[in-house]
Amino acid sequence: MKKLLAIILAINLIAFAAHAETDKIRMSGTICPSCDQNLEKSFSELKAVDKVSVDIKGMVVTVKTKAGQILTVEDIKKTLNDNGLNLVSILSSNP
């Protein structure tokens, strides 16, 4: 049952990432107030990212993709993991 739920979640997350222009990415983990710049820089370096903002208190990263570009769930997870954080969810404002 857990595998089925994980597959459904993964499919939904991929669908959000594939069609969205703006994603709100909820994260978990410990991050210092000054580390928001490192996280912002990490996301900014991704090819698909146009703009990024980090809300450390809310544990949310808002990412706007470039026109015609796709930010994959794998890219999001890797970027968060490289900064010592974990993906909680992705909410799309422009499906």
PDB file of N, CA and C in Angstrom:
ATOM      1  N   MET A   1       0.814  -1.185   0.000  1.00  0.00           N
ATOM      2  CA  MET A   1       0.000   0.000   0.000  1.00  0.00           C
ATOM      3  C   MET A   1       0.864   1.259   0.000  1.00  0.00           C
ATOM      4  N   LYS A   2       1.965   1.228   0.785  1.00  0.00           N
ATOM      5  CA  LYS A   2       2.854   2.378   0.836  1.00  0.00           C
ATOM      6  C   LYS A   2       3.488   2.638  -0.523  1.00  0.00           C
ATOM      7  N   LYS A   3       3.837   1.574  -1.235  1.00  0.00           N
ATOM      8  CA  LYS A   3       4.430   1.732  -2.565  1.00  0.00           C
ATOM      9  C   LYS A   3       3.437   2.368  -3.534  1.00  0.00           C
ATOM     10  N   LEU A   4       2.186   1.947  -3.455  1.00  0.00           N
ATOM     11  CA  LEU A   4       1.151   2.495  -4.325  1.00  0.00           C
ATOM     12  C   LEU A   4       0.962   3.984  -4.046  1.00  0.00           C
ATOM     13  N   LEU A   5       0.901   4.353  -2.773  1.00  0.00           N
ATOM     14  CA  LEU A   5       0.760   5.766  -2.420  1.00  0.00           C
ATOM     15  C   LEU A   5       1.965   6.572  -2.882  1.00  0.00           C
ATOM     16  N   ALA A   6       3.161   6.009  -2.759  1.00  0.00           N
ATOM     17  CA  ALA A   6       4.370   6.700  -3.207  1.00  0.00           C
ATOM     18  C   ALA A   6       4.346   6.901  -4.716  1.00  0.00           C
ATOM     19  N   ILE A   7       3.873   5.912  -5.459  1.00  0.00           N
ATOM     20  CA  ILE A   7       3.788   6.015  -6.919  1.00  0.00           C
ATOM     21  C   ILE A   7       2.775   7.088  -7.311  1.00  0.00           C
ATOM     22  N   ILE A   8       1.626   7.094  -6.654  1.00  0.00           N
ATOM     23  CA  ILE A   8       0.599   8.103  -6.950  1.00  0.00           C
ATOM     24  C   ILE A   8       1.127   9.497  -6.639  1.00  0.00           C
ATOM     25  N   LEU A   9       1.799   9.667  -5.502  1.00  0.00           N
ATOM     26  CA  LEU A   9       2.375  10.961  -5.144  1.00  0.00           C
ATOM     27  C   LEU A   9       3.413  11.389  -6.174  1.00  0.00           C
ATOM     28  N   ALA A  10       4.262  10.469  -6.582  1.00  0.00           N
ATOM     29  CA  ALA A  10       5.302  10.795  -7.564  1.00  0.00           C
ATOM     30  C   ALA A  10       4.693  11.224  -8.894  1.00  0.00           C
ATOM     31  N   ILE A  11       3.671  10.538  -9.335  1.00  0.00           N
ATOM     32  CA  ILE A  11       3.013  10.899 -10.596  1.00  0.00           C
ATOM     33  C   ILE A  11       2.390  12.285 -10.487  1.00  0.00           C
ATOM     34  N   ASN A  12       1.730  12.562  -9.383  1.00  0.00           N
ATOM     35  CA  ASN A  12       1.130  13.885  -9.183  1.00  0.00           C
ATOM     36  C   ASN A  12       2.179  14.970  -9.110  1.00  0.00           C
ATOM     37  N   LEU A  13       3.284  14.724  -8.431  1.00  0.00           N
ATOM     38  CA  LEU A  13       4.348  15.719  -8.345  1.00  0.00           C
ATOM     39  C   LEU A  13       4.980  15.980  -9.703  1.00  0.00           C
ATOM     40  N   ILE A  14       5.175  14.932 -10.487  1.00  0.00           N
ATOM     41  CA  ILE A  14       5.735  15.103 -11.827  1.00  0.00           C
ATOM     42  C   ILE A  14       4.780  15.903 -12.695  1.00  0.00           C
ATOM     43  N   ALA A  15       3.497  15.621 -12.587  1.00  0.00           N
ATOM     44  CA  ALA A  15       2.513  16.369 -13.372  1.00  0.00           C
ATOM     45  C   ALA A  15       2.534  17.845 -13.001  1.00  0.00           C
ATOM     46  N   PHE A  16       2.625  18.150 -11.703  1.00  0.00           N
ATOM     47  CA  PHE A  16       2.699  19.552 -11.278  1.00  0.00           C
ATOM     48  C   PHE A  16       3.938  20.210 -11.844  1.00  0.00           C
ATOM     49  N   ALA A  17       5.078  19.553 -11.726  1.00  0.00           N
ATOM     50  CA  ALA A  17       6.335  20.144 -12.178  1.00  0.00           C
ATOM     51  C   ALA A  17       6.368  20.306 -13.690  1.00  0.00           C
ATOM     52  N   ALA A  18       5.742  19.393 -14.398  1.00  0.00           N
ATOM     53  CA  ALA A  18       5.800  19.429 -15.854  1.00  0.00           C
ATOM     54  C   ALA A  18       4.960  20.553 -16.449  1.00  0.00           C
ATOM     55  N   HIS A  19       3.881  20.967 -15.789  1.00  0.00           N
ATOM     56  CA  HIS A  19       2.966  21.937 -16.374  1.00  0.00           C
ATOM     57  C   HIS A  19       2.975  23.303 -15.690  1.00  0.00           C
ATOM     58  N   ALA A  20       3.739  23.445 -14.644  1.00  0.00           N
ATOM     59  CA  ALA A  20       3.658  24.669 -13.854  1.00  0.00           C
ATOM     60  C   ALA A  20       4.651  25.722 -14.298  1.00  0.00           C
ATOM     61  N   GLU A  21       4.240  26.972 -14.159  1.00  0.00           N
ATOM     62  CA  GLU A  21       5.155  28.077 -14.338  1.00  0.00           C
ATOM     63  C   GLU A  21       5.682  28.534 -12.985  1.00  0.00           C
ATOM     64  N   THR A  22       4.874  28.384 -11.951  1.00  0.00           N
ATOM     65  CA  THR A  22       5.287  28.756 -10.604  1.00  0.00           C
ATOM     66  C   THR A  22       4.967  27.612  -9.655  1.00  0.00           C
ATOM     67  N   ASP A  23       5.969  27.214  -8.875  1.00  0.00           N
ATOM     68  CA  ASP A  23       5.791  26.149  -7.893  1.00  0.00           C
ATOM     69  C   ASP A  23       6.119  26.681  -6.513  1.00  0.00           C
ATOM     70  N   LYS A  24       5.308  26.315  -5.531  1.00  0.00           N
ATOM     71  CA  LYS A  24       5.631  26.567  -4.134  1.00  0.00           C
ATOM     72  C   LYS A  24       6.079  25.231  -3.565  1.00  0.00           C
ATOM     73  N   ILE A  25       7.323  25.185  -3.163  1.00  0.00           N
ATOM     74  CA  ILE A  25       7.938  23.946  -2.703  1.00  0.00           C
ATOM     75  C   ILE A  25       8.064  23.997  -1.181  1.00  0.00           C
ATOM     76  N   ARG A  26       7.350  23.095  -0.511  1.00  0.00           N
ATOM     77  CA  ARG A  26       7.455  23.008   0.953  1.00  0.00           C
ATOM     78  C   ARG A  26       8.584  22.051   1.270  1.00  0.00           C
ATOM     79  N   MET A  27       9.384  22.438   2.266  1.00  0.00           N
ATOM     80  CA  MET A  27      10.548  21.638   2.615  1.00  0.00           C
ATOM     81  C   MET A  27      10.594  21.404   4.116  1.00  0.00           C
ATOM     82  N   SER A  28      11.436  20.470   4.523  1.00  0.00           N
ATOM     83  CA  SER A  28      11.644  20.216   5.940  1.00  0.00           C
ATOM     84  C   SER A  28      13.144  20.070   6.177  1.00  0.00           C
ATOM     85  N   GLY A  29      13.514  20.223   7.420  1.00  0.00           N
ATOM     86  CA  GLY A  29      14.919  20.123   7.787  1.00  0.00           C
ATOM     87  C   GLY A  29      15.323  21.350   8.577  1.00  0.00           C
ATOM     88  N   THR A  30      16.590  21.418   8.905  1.00  0.00           N
ATOM     89  CA  THR A  30      17.106  22.537   9.676  1.00  0.00           C
ATOM     90  C   THR A  30      17.914  23.437   8.761  1.00  0.00           C
ATOM     91  N   ILE A  31      17.601  24.719   8.794  1.00  0.00           N
ATOM     92  CA  ILE A  31      18.318  25.668   7.955  1.00  0.00           C
ATOM     93  C   ILE A  31      18.518  26.958   8.750  1.00  0.00           C
ATOM     94  N   CYS A  32      19.701  27.514   8.643  1.00  0.00           N
ATOM     95  CA  CYS A  32      19.987  28.755   9.367  1.00  0.00           C
ATOM     96  C   CYS A  32      19.467  29.945   8.566  1.00  0.00           C
ATOM     97  N   PRO A  33      19.184  31.053   9.243  1.00  0.00           N
ATOM     98  CA  PRO A  33      18.638  32.221   8.545  1.00  0.00           C
ATOM     99  C   PRO A  33      19.521  32.728   7.399  1.00  0.00           C
ATOM    100  N   SER A  34      20.829  32.598   7.533  1.00  0.00           N
ATOM    101  CA  SER A  34      21.710  33.084   6.470  1.00  0.00           C
ATOM    102  C   SER A  34      21.865  32.083   5.325  1.00  0.00           C
ATOM    103  N   CYS A  35      21.380  30.865   5.520  1.00  0.00           N
ATOM    104  CA  CYS A  35      21.511  29.831   4.484  1.00  0.00           C
ATOM    105  C   CYS A  35      20.496  30.009   3.359  1.00  0.00           C
ATOM    106  N   ASP A  36      19.532  30.912   3.536  1.00  0.00           N
ATOM    107  CA  ASP A  36      18.537  31.112   2.486  1.00  0.00           C
ATOM    108  C   ASP A  36      19.196  31.574   1.189  1.00  0.00           C
ATOM    109  N   GLN A  37      20.293  32.319   1.291  1.00  0.00           N
ATOM    110  CA  GLN A  37      20.998  32.780   0.093  1.00  0.00           C
ATOM    111  C   GLN A  37      21.623  31.612  -0.659  1.00  0.00           C
ATOM    112  N   ASN A  38      22.162  30.631   0.069  1.00  0.00           N
ATOM    113  CA  ASN A  38      22.730  29.450  -0.579  1.00  0.00           C
ATOM    114  C   ASN A  38      21.657  28.646  -1.298  1.00  0.00           C
ATOM    115  N   LEU A  39      20.514  28.499  -0.654  1.00  0.00           N
ATOM    116  CA  LEU A  39      19.412  27.758  -1.255  1.00  0.00           C
ATOM    117  C   LEU A  39      18.891  28.487  -2.489  1.00  0.00           C
ATOM    118  N   GLU A  40      18.749  29.797  -2.384  1.00  0.00           N
ATOM    119  CA  GLU A  40      18.301  30.601  -3.520  1.00  0.00           C
ATOM    120  C   GLU A  40      19.288  30.486  -4.679  1.00  0.00           C
ATOM    121  N   LYS A  41      20.567  30.543  -4.383  1.00  0.00           N
ATOM    122  CA  LYS A  41      21.596  30.417  -5.424  1.00  0.00           C
ATOM    123  C   LYS A  41      21.533  29.032  -6.087  1.00  0.00           C
ATOM    124  N   SER A  42      21.353  27.992  -5.280  1.00  0.00           N
ATOM    125  CA  SER A  42      21.285  26.628  -5.812  1.00  0.00           C
ATOM    126  C   SER A  42      20.132  26.471  -6.800  1.00  0.00           C
ATOM    127  N   PHE A  43      18.956  26.999  -6.449  1.00  0.00           N
ATOM    128  CA  PHE A  43      17.821  26.915  -7.360  1.00  0.00           C
ATOM    129  C   PHE A  43      18.041  27.796  -8.589  1.00  0.00           C
ATOM    130  N   SER A  44      18.633  28.966  -8.406  1.00  0.00           N
ATOM    131  CA  SER A  44      18.872  29.885  -9.522  1.00  0.00           C
ATOM    132  C   SER A  44      19.798  29.288 -10.576  1.00  0.00           C
ATOM    133  N   GLU A  45      20.665  28.385 -10.166  1.00  0.00           N
ATOM    134  CA  GLU A  45      21.611  27.765 -11.086  1.00  0.00           C
ATOM    135  C   GLU A  45      20.973  26.697 -11.974  1.00  0.00           C
ATOM    136  N   LEU A  46      19.753  26.280 -11.650  1.00  0.00           N
ATOM    137  CA  LEU A  46      19.067  25.282 -12.479  1.00  0.00           C
ATOM    138  C   LEU A  46      18.616  25.933 -13.781  1.00  0.00           C
ATOM    139  N   LYS A  47      18.805  25.228 -14.879  1.00  0.00           N
ATOM    140  CA  LYS A  47      18.507  25.749 -16.217  1.00  0.00           C
ATOM    141  C   LYS A  47      17.067  26.244 -16.366  1.00  0.00           C
ATOM    142  N   ALA A  48      16.133  25.549 -15.776  1.00  0.00           N
ATOM    143  CA  ALA A  48      14.705  25.860 -15.961  1.00  0.00           C
ATOM    144  C   ALA A  48      14.224  27.034 -15.111  1.00  0.00           C
ATOM    145  N   VAL A  49      15.011  27.458 -14.139  1.00  0.00           N
ATOM    146  CA  VAL A  49      14.541  28.464 -13.169  1.00  0.00           C
ATOM    147  C   VAL A  49      14.772  29.882 -13.670  1.00  0.00           C
ATOM    148  N   ASP A  50      13.691  30.675 -13.603  1.00  0.00           N
ATOM    149  CA  ASP A  50      13.762  32.088 -13.954  1.00  0.00           C
ATOM    150  C   ASP A  50      13.953  32.934 -12.701  1.00  0.00           C
ATOM    151  N   LYS A  51      13.084  32.732 -11.697  1.00  0.00           N
ATOM    152  CA  LYS A  51      13.154  33.489 -10.442  1.00  0.00           C
ATOM    153  C   LYS A  51      12.916  32.540  -9.282  1.00  0.00           C
ATOM    154  N   VAL A  52      13.509  32.877  -8.152  1.00  0.00           N
ATOM    155  CA  VAL A  52      13.326  32.066  -6.954  1.00  0.00           C
ATOM    156  C   VAL A  52      13.325  32.965  -5.721  1.00  0.00           C
ATOM    157  N   SER A  53      12.480  32.610  -4.756  1.00  0.00           N
ATOM    158  CA  SER A  53      12.504  33.282  -3.463  1.00  0.00           C
ATOM    159  C   SER A  53      12.365  32.230  -2.372  1.00  0.00           C
ATOM    160  N   VAL A  54      13.012  32.495  -1.240  1.00  0.00           N
ATOM    161  CA  VAL A  54      13.033  31.538  -0.148  1.00  0.00           C
ATOM    162  C   VAL A  54      12.422  32.175   1.093  1.00  0.00           C
ATOM    163  N   ASP A  55      11.460  31.470   1.696  1.00  0.00           N
ATOM    164  CA  ASP A  55      10.855  31.884   2.959  1.00  0.00           C
ATOM    165  C   ASP A  55      11.284  30.860   4.010  1.00  0.00           C
ATOM    166  N   ILE A  56      12.350  31.198   4.741  1.00  0.00           N
ATOM    167  CA  ILE A  56      12.897  30.268   5.724  1.00  0.00           C
ATOM    168  C   ILE A  56      11.894  29.988   6.841  1.00  0.00           C
ATOM    169  N   LYS A  57      11.232  31.016   7.348  1.00  0.00           N
ATOM    170  CA  LYS A  57      10.277  30.822   8.446  1.00  0.00           C
ATOM    171  C   LYS A  57       9.131  29.912   8.032  1.00  0.00           C
ATOM    172  N   GLY A  58       8.630  30.083   6.822  1.00  0.00           N
ATOM    173  CA  GLY A  58       7.541  29.258   6.319  1.00  0.00           C
ATOM    174  C   GLY A  58       8.000  27.957   5.703  1.00  0.00           C
ATOM    175  N   MET A  59       9.330  27.789   5.564  1.00  0.00           N
ATOM    176  CA  MET A  59       9.928  26.599   4.945  1.00  0.00           C
ATOM    177  C   MET A  59       9.364  26.357   3.545  1.00  0.00           C
ATOM    178  N   VAL A  60       9.306  27.453   2.743  1.00  0.00           N
ATOM    179  CA  VAL A  60       8.775  27.392   1.383  1.00  0.00           C
ATOM    180  C   VAL A  60       9.743  28.070   0.424  1.00  0.00           C
ATOM    181  N   VAL A  61       9.953  27.428  -0.716  1.00  0.00           N
ATOM    182  CA  VAL A  61      10.701  28.030  -1.812  1.00  0.00           C
ATOM    183  C   VAL A  61       9.699  28.241  -2.946  1.00  0.00           C
ATOM    184  N   THR A  62       9.650  29.455  -3.488  1.00  0.00           N
ATOM    185  CA  THR A  62       8.786  29.744  -4.623  1.00  0.00           C
ATOM    186  C   THR A  62       9.670  29.875  -5.849  1.00  0.00           C
ATOM    187  N   VAL A  63       9.373  29.062  -6.855  1.00  0.00           N
ATOM    188  CA  VAL A  63      10.193  29.013  -8.061  1.00  0.00           C
ATOM    189  C   VAL A  63       9.337  29.303  -9.282  1.00  0.00           C
ATOM    190  N   LYS A  64       9.776  30.250 -10.097  1.00  0.00           N
ATOM    191  CA  LYS A  64       9.127  30.507 -11.377  1.00  0.00           C
ATOM    192  C   LYS A  64      10.044  29.962 -12.468  1.00  0.00           C
ATOM    193  N   THR A  65       9.488  29.127 -13.334  1.00  0.00           N
ATOM    194  CA  THR A  65      10.289  28.553 -14.402  1.00  0.00           C
ATOM    195  C   THR A  65      10.284  29.450 -15.633  1.00  0.00           C
ATOM    196  N   LYS A  66      11.296  29.252 -16.455  1.00  0.00           N
ATOM    197  CA  LYS A  66      11.369  29.975 -17.725  1.00  0.00           C
ATOM    198  C   LYS A  66      10.312  29.400 -18.657  1.00  0.00           C
ATOM    199  N   ALA A  67       9.848  30.213 -19.592  1.00  0.00           N
ATOM    200  CA  ALA A  67       8.842  29.764 -20.557  1.00  0.00           C
ATOM    201  C   ALA A  67       9.350  28.533 -21.308  1.00  0.00           C
ATOM    202  N   GLY A  68       8.515  27.512 -21.358  1.00  0.00           N
ATOM    203  CA  GLY A  68       8.847  26.295 -22.085  1.00  0.00           C
ATOM    204  C   GLY A  68       9.810  25.367 -21.358  1.00  0.00           C
ATOM    205  N   GLN A  69      10.220  25.717 -20.157  1.00  0.00           N
ATOM    206  CA  GLN A  69      11.158  24.889 -19.390  1.00  0.00           C
ATOM    207  C   GLN A  69      10.410  24.068 -18.347  1.00  0.00           C
ATOM    208  N   ILE A  70      11.001  22.967 -17.957  1.00  0.00           N
ATOM    209  CA  ILE A  70      10.411  22.078 -16.965  1.00  0.00           C
ATOM    210  C   ILE A  70      11.382  21.907 -15.812  1.00  0.00           C
ATOM    211  N   LEU A  71      10.894  22.125 -14.609  1.00  0.00           N
ATOM    212  CA  LEU A  71      11.659  21.851 -13.405  1.00  0.00           C
ATOM    213  C   LEU A  71      11.175  20.517 -12.865  1.00  0.00           C
ATOM    214  N   THR A  72      12.020  19.518 -12.911  1.00  0.00           N
ATOM    215  CA  THR A  72      11.598  18.172 -12.524  1.00  0.00           C
ATOM    216  C   THR A  72      11.632  17.981 -11.018  1.00  0.00           C
ATOM    217  N   VAL A  73      10.889  17.008 -10.561  1.00  0.00           N
ATOM    218  CA  VAL A  73      10.877  16.652  -9.152  1.00  0.00           C
ATOM    219  C   VAL A  73      12.278  16.216  -8.732  1.00  0.00           C
ATOM    220  N   GLU A  74      12.967  15.517  -9.602  1.00  0.00           N
ATOM    221  CA  GLU A  74      14.327  15.068  -9.299  1.00  0.00           C
ATOM    222  C   GLU A  74      15.252  16.259  -9.071  1.00  0.00           C
ATOM    223  N   ASP A  75      15.140  17.301  -9.912  1.00  0.00           N
ATOM    224  CA  ASP A  75      15.948  18.514  -9.734  1.00  0.00           C
ATOM    225  C   ASP A  75      15.641  19.182  -8.398  1.00  0.00           C
ATOM    226  N   ILE A  76      14.371  19.249  -8.061  1.00  0.00           N
ATOM    227  CA  ILE A  76      13.945  19.871  -6.804  1.00  0.00           C
ATOM    228  C   ILE A  76      14.502  19.089  -5.619  1.00  0.00           C
ATOM    229  N   LYS A  77      14.316  17.766  -5.629  1.00  0.00           N
ATOM    230  CA  LYS A  77      14.800  16.924  -4.530  1.00  0.00           C
ATOM    231  C   LYS A  77      16.312  17.047  -4.367  1.00  0.00           C
ATOM    232  N   LYS A  78      17.042  16.983  -5.486  1.00  0.00           N
ATOM    233  CA  LYS A  78      18.507  17.060  -5.434  1.00  0.00           C
ATOM    234  C   LYS A  78      18.956  18.400  -4.873  1.00  0.00           C
ATOM    235  N   THR A  79      18.348  19.474  -5.330  1.00  0.00           N
ATOM    236  CA  THR A  79      18.731  20.803  -4.861  1.00  0.00           C
ATOM    237  C   THR A  79      18.475  20.941  -3.367  1.00  0.00           C
ATOM    238  N   LEU A  80      17.325  20.472  -2.918  1.00  0.00           N
ATOM    239  CA  LEU A  80      17.029  20.519  -1.489  1.00  0.00           C
ATOM    240  C   LEU A  80      17.990  19.640  -0.698  1.00  0.00           C
ATOM    241  N   ASN A  81      18.193  18.409  -1.170  1.00  0.00           N
ATOM    242  CA  ASN A  81      19.083  17.480  -0.471  1.00  0.00           C
ATOM    243  C   ASN A  81      20.512  18.014  -0.400  1.00  0.00           C
ATOM    244  N   ASP A  82      20.978  18.649  -1.476  1.00  0.00           N
ATOM    245  CA  ASP A  82      22.328  19.228  -1.479  1.00  0.00           C
ATOM    246  C   ASP A  82      22.470  20.331  -0.440  1.00  0.00           C
ATOM    247  N   ASN A  83      21.352  20.897  -0.019  1.00  0.00           N
ATOM    248  CA  ASN A  83      21.345  21.948   0.999  1.00  0.00           C
ATOM    249  C   ASN A  83      20.889  21.423   2.360  1.00  0.00           C
ATOM    250  N   GLY A  84      20.849  20.096   2.505  1.00  0.00           N
ATOM    251  CA  GLY A  84      20.503  19.477   3.782  1.00  0.00           C
ATOM    252  C   GLY A  84      19.023  19.496   4.111  1.00  0.00           C
ATOM    253  N   LEU A  85      18.169  19.610   3.076  1.00  0.00           N
ATOM    254  CA  LEU A  85      16.726  19.699   3.280  1.00  0.00           C
ATOM    255  C   LEU A  85      16.009  18.575   2.550  1.00  0.00           C
ATOM    256  N   ASN A  86      14.735  18.403   2.857  1.00  0.00           N
ATOM    257  CA  ASN A  86      13.922  17.359   2.239  1.00  0.00           C
ATOM    258  C   ASN A  86      12.662  17.970   1.631  1.00  0.00           C
ATOM    259  N   LEU A  87      12.201  17.374   0.553  1.00  0.00           N
ATOM    260  CA  LEU A  87      10.965  17.779  -0.100  1.00  0.00           C
ATOM    261  C   LEU A  87       9.768  17.286   0.696  1.00  0.00           C
ATOM    262  N   VAL A  88       8.819  18.185   0.967  1.00  0.00           N
ATOM    263  CA  VAL A  88       7.567  17.809   1.625  1.00  0.00           C
ATOM    264  C   VAL A  88       6.462  17.757   0.585  1.00  0.00           C
ATOM    265  N   SER A  89       6.314  18.842  -0.206  1.00  0.00           N
ATOM    266  CA  SER A  89       5.271  18.873  -1.222  1.00  0.00           C
ATOM    267  C   SER A  89       5.565  19.962  -2.234  1.00  0.00           C
ATOM    268  N   ILE A  90       4.869  19.875  -3.351  1.00  0.00           N
ATOM    269  CA  ILE A  90       4.966  20.885  -4.398  1.00  0.00           C
ATOM    270  C   ILE A  90       3.536  21.318  -4.723  1.00  0.00           C
ATOM    271  N   LEU A  91       3.287  22.606  -4.638  1.00  0.00           N
ATOM    272  CA  LEU A  91       1.991  23.155  -5.009  1.00  0.00           C
ATOM    273  C   LEU A  91       2.184  24.058  -6.217  1.00  0.00           C
ATOM    274  N   SER A  92       1.365  23.860  -7.221  1.00  0.00           N
ATOM    275  CA  SER A  92       1.478  24.638  -8.442  1.00  0.00           C
ATOM    276  C   SER A  92       0.407  25.720  -8.474  1.00  0.00           C
ATOM    277  N   SER A  93       0.799  26.941  -8.849  1.00  0.00           N
ATOM    278  CA  SER A  93      -0.184  28.001  -8.968  1.00  0.00           C
ATOM    279  C   SER A  93      -0.628  28.201 -10.406  1.00  0.00           C
ATOM    280  N   ASN A  94       0.051  27.579 -11.355  1.00  0.00           N
ATOM    281  CA  ASN A  94      -0.291  27.697 -12.776  1.00  0.00           C
ATOM    282  C   ASN A  94      -0.247  26.339 -13.457  1.00  0.00           C
ATOM    283  N   PRO A  95      -1.179  25.460 -13.166  1.00  0.00           N
ATOM    284  CA  PRO A  95      -1.140  24.123 -13.781  1.00  0.00           C
ATOM    285  C   PRO A  95      -1.420  24.168 -15.263  1.00  0.00           C
TER     286      PRO A  95
END
